Amino acid sequence: MNVPVFRLDKRLVFPPVELAEDGLLAVGGDLRPERLLLAYSRGIFPWYGKNLPILWHSPDPRMVLYPDELIVNRSLKKQLRRAPYQLRLDTAFGDVLRGCATVPRLGQGGTWLVPDMISAYQRMHELGFAHSAEAWLGDRLVGGLYGVCLGGCYFGESMFAEAPDASKLAFVALVRQLQAWGIGLIDCQVHTEHLERFGAREIPREQFLAELEAALEQPTRRGKWTFEIDLAALGTSGAAPGAAGTSGASGASGAPAA
């Protein structure tokens, strides 16, 4: 039996995620912050390409990474000890977005980060909900990733690299910082071998939604982020490095109701 895909209008509503067909739940609507916040809080995210309407997804199973299960292989630990790049948070969010949209990926002929999506996530960053992790070589951004954080869940969106291991090192640093902050759930959306090598795994959507509901009970760390962990210790231990200090730390605040 075919299940209908729901068409959204201006009302801030989504159908139950259990009605998604092969992960696709709804089409249409808009990308205003209120809708995006509602979507993420319900385990729904937008994903579509050029010349297509907005498509809203809630896949089953769901790919997640628990920070304490992060796997860092020997060669990447060596790179972390070498520290070839300066790692930062939230200093060039727009540039990370554009990097994710334009840097070619093996096996991909286009980008899902269309201009409307870039504008929407830039606005989410300005509101303090979207964050980037960046790798810099001198004054050049050579890799990074971005996502949305609500409560105790970080929703990873995309990454790019223009230098060896740049996005991987930024990713590991971000995961360790999230772990130090007590953010215990990272949404990776759908399975990729790349994320599986870092320890991400698939869980049933029902389990993900239950864990997300619990994570949303935590306050949201809203505003500009800075690293508080000791980045120099990233390659020396499997545990989250201790905080180097609390100066520049963002405060935690409850997310507005969506």
Foldseek 3Di string as FASTA:
>chain_A
DDQDAAEDDQDLDFPQQVSADQFWHHWAYALAPQNQVVQVLRQKDWFDAPPGTTIIGRHWFFKKAFLLQFDDDPVNLVCLLVCQWDKKKDPCVLVFLVQQQPPDDPPDDHGRCDVRNSVSVVVCVVFFFKMKMFTHRVPDTFKIFMFGWAFLETETDTMHGNDPCGHVLSVLQVSLQSVVVNSGMYTPGDDDVVVVNRVIDTDGSVVVSVVSNVRNVGFTQGDTATAQFDSNCSSPDSHRHHGPDCPPHGDTHHDPND
